[in-house]
């Protein structure tokens, strides 16, 4: 029996559990803001406090640029697609989801008056649209395993954008928090894919599939936004998804150190040789 359904069910349970944890934590933060502020107060010497707040200020400066660096990561893939004139078996979902996810954070940043948030994610919307265009130009009109079709991706992203514009323009109470929680859930779902990849690395004992430069960029990006969201903005919708991303990046780096870039083929050959040895 195939293990794919079991793996998918495991991912869904993991996503549901983290979503519940996120909503529970956000409720605590919303109901006890004063307690959260007290947790961010350091009972240390003036020199240590000064160094720490200098680091927080540095994170505030570099966070938007780190986000843009992560959005630039698919550029080599786009260059390869343009050269080969085909997308091969690559999925369209990462680029359509980049547009949708970035748009949510643009709306949230505008409603909360956070230029660092909406500015960097505006670049994500534009770059995601560019990646989407390049991809669809070379995937062929009959492609149906992206997953789904190009038209389905277009309709889904368009409907998602229209929904959030309507929420923002409706004047609904706490519309910004609603959009923020939507962004948090989207980030959690997007992190389910790297978590599945980590399991694959452990099973094959090969970390060749983990791109080190991009992982380091994600580590820096999530660290900066987590520090900024917790100690400067006091915003759950900013620090919680970036805390998850930080944990995921650290886990990938640990596996990279443990297994290195040994190819899966070499691992399979080793397994075969051991099976031939006398018991």
Protein backbone atom coordinates (compact mmCIF):
# COMPACT_ATOMS: atom_id res chain seq x y z
CA UNK A 1 0.00 0.00 0.00
CA UNK A 2 1.29 3.48 -0.86
CA UNK A 3 2.47 5.62 2.05
CA UNK A 4 1.44 8.87 0.29
CA UNK A 5 -2.11 9.05 1.82
CA UNK A 6 -0.64 8.42 5.26
CA UNK A 7 1.96 11.16 4.72
CA UNK A 8 -0.71 13.61 3.59
CA UNK A 9 -2.90 12.81 6.59
CA UNK A 10 0.11 13.35 8.87
CA UNK A 11 0.80 16.73 7.28
CA UNK A 12 -2.84 17.79 7.65
CA UNK A 13 -2.84 16.80 11.31
CA UNK A 14 0.39 18.75 11.84
CA UNK A 15 -1.02 21.84 10.10
CA UNK A 16 -4.26 21.61 12.10
CA UNK A 17 -2.35 21.27 15.38
CA UNK A 18 -0.16 24.28 14.67
CA UNK A 19 -3.18 26.33 13.57
CA UNK A 20 -4.93 25.54 16.85
CA UNK A 21 -1.77 26.43 18.76
CA UNK A 22 -1.50 29.68 16.84
CA UNK A 23 -5.07 30.75 17.51
CA UNK A 24 -4.73 29.83 21.19
CA UNK A 25 -1.51 31.81 21.53
CA UNK A 26 -2.99 34.81 19.70
CA UNK A 27 -5.94 34.83 22.11
CA UNK A 28 -3.57 34.90 25.08
CA UNK A 29 -1.59 37.76 23.55
CA UNK A 30 -4.72 39.74 22.73
CA UNK A 31 -6.19 39.34 26.22
CA UNK A 32 -3.02 40.02 28.16
CA UNK A 33 -1.02 42.61 26.22
CA UNK A 34 0.41 44.13 29.38
CA UNK A 35 1.86 40.79 30.39
CA UNK A 36 3.45 40.44 26.94
CA UNK A 37 5.05 43.86 27.31
CA UNK A 38 6.47 42.85 30.67
CA UNK A 39 8.01 39.73 29.13
CA UNK A 40 9.96 41.93 26.72
CA UNK A 41 11.50 43.96 29.54
CA UNK A 42 15.06 42.94 30.33
CA UNK A 43 16.30 42.86 33.87
CA UNK A 44 19.93 43.25 32.85
CA UNK A 45 22.62 45.86 33.00
CA UNK A 46 22.40 49.02 30.93
CA UNK A 47 25.26 47.93 28.68
CA UNK A 48 23.67 44.56 27.88
CA UNK A 49 20.32 46.24 27.27
CA UNK A 50 21.95 48.76 24.96
CA UNK A 51 23.62 46.00 22.94
CA UNK A 52 20.37 44.08 22.67
CA UNK A 53 18.33 47.05 21.50
CA UNK A 54 21.07 47.85 18.99
CA UNK A 55 20.55 44.33 17.64
CA UNK A 56 16.77 44.89 17.54
CA UNK A 57 17.38 48.13 15.62
CA UNK A 58 19.63 46.26 13.18
CA UNK A 59 16.88 43.67 12.61
CA UNK A 60 14.44 46.51 11.95
CA UNK A 61 16.73 47.83 9.21
CA UNK A 62 17.61 44.54 7.50
CA UNK A 63 14.27 42.69 7.79
CA UNK A 64 12.66 44.18 4.63
CA UNK A 65 15.82 43.52 2.59
CA UNK A 66 16.03 39.93 3.85
CA UNK A 67 12.44 39.38 2.73
CA UNK A 68 13.23 40.68 -0.75
CA UNK A 69 16.30 38.37 -0.93
CA UNK A 70 14.04 35.38 -0.24
CA UNK A 71 11.63 36.54 -2.95
CA UNK A 72 14.56 36.69 -5.40
CA UNK A 73 15.51 33.04 -4.75
CA UNK A 74 13.49 31.56 -7.69
CA UNK A 75 15.32 33.72 -10.27
CA UNK A 76 17.84 30.96 -11.19
CA UNK A 77 14.92 28.55 -11.70
CA UNK A 78 13.23 31.05 -14.00
CA UNK A 79 16.46 31.44 -15.99
CA UNK A 80 16.68 27.67 -16.36
CA UNK A 81 13.05 27.47 -17.51
CA UNK A 82 13.65 30.22 -20.07
CA UNK A 83 16.73 28.43 -21.43
CA UNK A 84 15.10 25.00 -21.60
CA UNK A 85 11.75 26.33 -22.87
CA UNK A 86 10.02 23.88 -20.51
CA UNK A 87 9.11 23.64 -16.83
CA UNK A 88 9.63 19.88 -16.68
CA UNK A 89 7.82 18.50 -13.65
CA UNK A 90 8.08 21.68 -11.57
CA UNK A 91 4.84 22.84 -9.87
CA UNK A 92 3.21 26.24 -10.36
CA UNK A 93 1.87 26.34 -6.79
CA UNK A 94 4.94 28.00 -5.17
CA UNK A 95 4.59 31.05 -7.43
CA UNK A 96 0.81 31.43 -7.28
CA UNK A 97 0.98 31.04 -3.49
CA UNK A 98 3.78 33.67 -3.38
CA UNK A 99 1.45 36.18 -5.04
CA UNK A 100 -1.46 35.36 -2.72
CA UNK A 101 0.58 35.26 0.49
CA UNK A 102 2.49 38.45 -0.30
CA UNK A 103 -0.75 40.27 -1.16
CA UNK A 104 -2.20 39.38 2.26
CA UNK A 105 0.81 40.92 3.99
CA UNK A 106 0.67 44.01 1.76
CA UNK A 107 -2.93 44.54 2.88
CA UNK A 108 -2.02 43.89 6.51
CA UNK A 109 0.95 46.28 6.38
CA UNK A 110 -1.16 49.03 4.79
CA UNK A 111 -3.97 48.65 7.33
CA UNK A 112 -1.52 48.58 10.26
CA UNK A 113 0.66 51.37 8.80
CA UNK A 114 3.77 49.17 8.71
CA UNK A 115 5.84 50.30 5.69
CA UNK A 116 8.49 47.63 6.25
CA UNK A 117 5.80 44.95 5.94
CA UNK A 118 3.85 46.19 2.93
CA UNK A 119 6.96 47.49 1.12
CA UNK A 120 8.89 44.21 1.11
CA UNK A 121 5.80 42.14 0.34
CA UNK A 122 4.88 44.43 -2.56
CA UNK A 123 8.11 43.18 -4.11
CA UNK A 124 6.87 39.64 -3.40
CA UNK A 125 3.64 40.33 -5.31
CA UNK A 126 5.51 41.75 -8.32
CA UNK A 127 8.17 39.05 -8.40
CA UNK A 128 5.57 36.32 -7.86
CA UNK A 129 3.57 37.69 -10.80
CA UNK A 130 6.73 37.67 -12.93
CA UNK A 131 7.56 34.07 -11.96
CA UNK A 132 3.96 33.07 -12.66
CA UNK A 133 4.13 34.65 -16.12
CA UNK A 134 7.45 32.99 -17.06
CA UNK A 135 6.24 29.62 -15.78
CA UNK A 136 2.91 29.67 -17.59
CA UNK A 137 4.60 30.78 -20.82
CA UNK A 138 6.57 27.52 -20.92
CA UNK A 139 4.30 24.97 -19.23
CA UNK A 140 1.91 24.53 -22.14
CA UNK A 141 -1.88 25.10 -22.20
CA UNK A 142 -2.68 21.43 -21.53
CA UNK A 143 -0.69 21.15 -18.27
CA UNK A 144 -2.90 19.69 -15.53
CA UNK A 145 -0.44 18.64 -12.81
CA UNK A 146 0.64 22.04 -11.42
CA UNK A 147 -1.40 20.91 -9.33
CA UNK A 148 -4.53 21.68 -11.35
CA UNK A 149 -4.47 23.91 -14.43
CA UNK A 150 -3.18 27.43 -15.09
CA UNK A 151 -6.73 28.79 -15.29
CA UNK A 152 -7.56 27.26 -11.90
CA UNK A 153 -4.53 28.96 -10.36
CA UNK A 154 -5.51 32.29 -11.95
CA UNK A 155 -9.10 32.05 -10.71
CA UNK A 156 -8.03 31.01 -7.21
CA UNK A 157 -5.49 33.84 -6.81
CA UNK A 158 -7.92 36.37 -8.32
CA UNK A 159 -10.74 35.29 -6.00
CA UNK A 160 -8.39 35.39 -3.02
CA UNK A 161 -7.22 38.92 -3.83
CA UNK A 162 -10.80 40.11 -4.40
CA UNK A 163 -11.92 38.60 -1.08
CA UNK A 164 -9.23 40.40 0.90
CA UNK A 165 -9.86 43.71 -0.85
CA UNK A 166 -13.54 43.37 0.05
CA UNK A 167 -12.69 42.60 3.68
CA UNK A 168 -10.40 45.63 3.89
CA UNK A 169 -12.93 47.95 2.21
CA UNK A 170 -15.98 46.66 4.11
CA UNK A 171 -15.16 48.48 7.33
CA UNK A 172 -15.63 45.27 9.31
CA UNK A 173 -14.45 45.56 12.90
CA UNK A 174 -10.92 44.17 13.34
CA UNK A 175 -10.57 43.61 9.58
CA UNK A 176 -6.80 43.99 9.84
CA UNK A 177 -6.58 41.30 12.52
CA UNK A 178 -8.74 39.01 10.40
CA UNK A 179 -6.42 39.47 7.41
CA UNK A 180 -3.40 39.01 9.70
CA UNK A 181 -4.69 35.70 11.04
CA UNK A 182 -5.38 34.62 7.46
CA UNK A 183 -1.74 35.36 6.65
CA UNK A 184 -0.58 33.36 9.67
CA UNK A 185 -2.60 30.32 8.57
CA UNK A 186 -1.23 30.61 5.03
CA UNK A 187 2.34 30.68 6.37
CA UNK A 188 1.66 27.59 8.46
CA UNK A 189 0.32 25.73 5.41
CA UNK A 190 3.32 26.83 3.34
CA UNK A 191 5.69 25.51 6.03
CA UNK A 192 4.08 22.05 5.74
CA UNK A 193 6.04 21.43 2.52
CA UNK A 194 9.51 21.99 4.07
CA UNK A 195 8.50 19.79 7.01
CA UNK A 196 7.65 16.97 4.58
CA UNK A 197 11.01 17.53 2.86
CA UNK A 198 12.80 17.16 6.21
CA UNK A 199 11.26 13.72 6.63
CA UNK A 200 12.51 12.77 3.16
CA UNK A 201 16.04 13.91 4.10
CA UNK A 202 16.00 11.79 7.26
CA UNK A 203 14.74 8.70 5.41
CA UNK A 204 17.29 8.96 2.59
CA UNK A 205 20.07 10.28 4.86
CA UNK A 206 20.91 12.81 2.16
CA UNK A 207 20.62 16.61 2.51
CA UNK A 208 21.48 17.29 -1.13
CA UNK A 209 17.92 18.54 -1.71
CA UNK A 210 18.33 21.33 0.89
CA UNK A 211 19.64 24.50 -0.83
CA UNK A 212 22.15 25.97 1.63
CA UNK A 213 22.17 29.62 0.37
CA UNK A 214 18.36 29.84 0.41
CA UNK A 215 18.18 28.16 3.83
CA UNK A 216 20.66 30.68 5.26
CA UNK A 217 18.65 33.52 3.71
CA UNK A 218 15.46 32.15 5.30
CA UNK A 219 17.23 31.83 8.65
CA UNK A 220 18.35 35.46 8.53
CA UNK A 221 14.97 36.66 7.27
CA UNK A 222 12.89 34.81 9.88
CA UNK A 223 15.27 35.82 12.70
CA UNK A 224 15.04 39.50 11.77
CA UNK A 225 11.25 39.49 11.46
CA UNK A 226 10.77 37.44 14.63
CA UNK A 227 12.91 39.84 16.67
CA UNK A 228 11.21 42.84 15.08
CA UNK A 229 7.71 41.41 15.57
CA UNK A 230 8.24 40.42 19.20
CA UNK A 231 10.40 43.19 20.64
CA UNK A 232 9.47 46.18 18.47
CA UNK A 233 5.98 45.67 17.05
CA UNK A 234 4.56 43.34 19.73
CA UNK A 235 2.54 41.79 16.90
CA UNK A 236 1.61 38.11 17.07
CA UNK A 237 0.80 38.01 13.35
CA UNK A 238 4.39 39.03 12.58
CA UNK A 239 6.45 37.07 15.10
CA UNK A 240 4.55 33.75 15.25
CA UNK A 241 4.85 32.64 11.57
CA UNK A 242 8.48 33.80 11.51
CA UNK A 243 9.19 31.80 14.66
CA UNK A 244 7.92 28.72 12.79
CA UNK A 245 10.08 29.61 9.80
CA UNK A 246 13.10 30.08 12.08
CA UNK A 247 12.61 26.64 13.62
CA UNK A 248 12.24 25.08 10.17
CA UNK A 249 15.42 26.77 8.89
CA UNK A 250 17.40 25.66 11.97
CA UNK A 251 16.17 22.08 11.48
CA UNK A 252 17.28 22.14 7.84
CA UNK A 253 20.72 23.47 8.77
CA UNK A 254 21.14 20.76 11.40
CA UNK A 255 20.26 18.07 8.85
CA UNK A 256 22.65 19.68 6.36
CA UNK A 257 25.44 19.40 8.94
CA UNK A 258 24.50 15.80 9.79
CA UNK A 259 24.11 14.35 6.30
CA UNK A 260 25.94 16.78 4.00
CA UNK A 261 25.43 16.56 0.24
CA UNK A 262 25.74 12.79 -0.14
CA UNK A 263 23.66 11.73 -3.11
CA UNK A 264 20.64 9.49 -2.73
CA UNK A 265 22.10 7.14 -5.35
CA UNK A 266 25.19 6.59 -3.20
CA UNK A 267 22.96 5.90 -0.22
CA UNK A 268 20.92 3.34 -2.20
CA UNK A 269 24.10 1.61 -3.38
CA UNK A 270 25.33 1.38 0.22
CA UNK A 271 22.03 -0.17 1.29
CA UNK A 272 22.25 -2.69 -1.57
CA UNK A 273 25.83 -3.68 -0.67
CA UNK A 274 24.88 -4.20 2.96
CA UNK A 275 21.97 -6.41 1.92
CA UNK A 276 24.42 -8.68 0.03
CA UNK A 277 26.65 -9.20 3.05
CA UNK A 278 26.24 -12.49 4.93
CA UNK A 279 23.98 -12.27 7.95
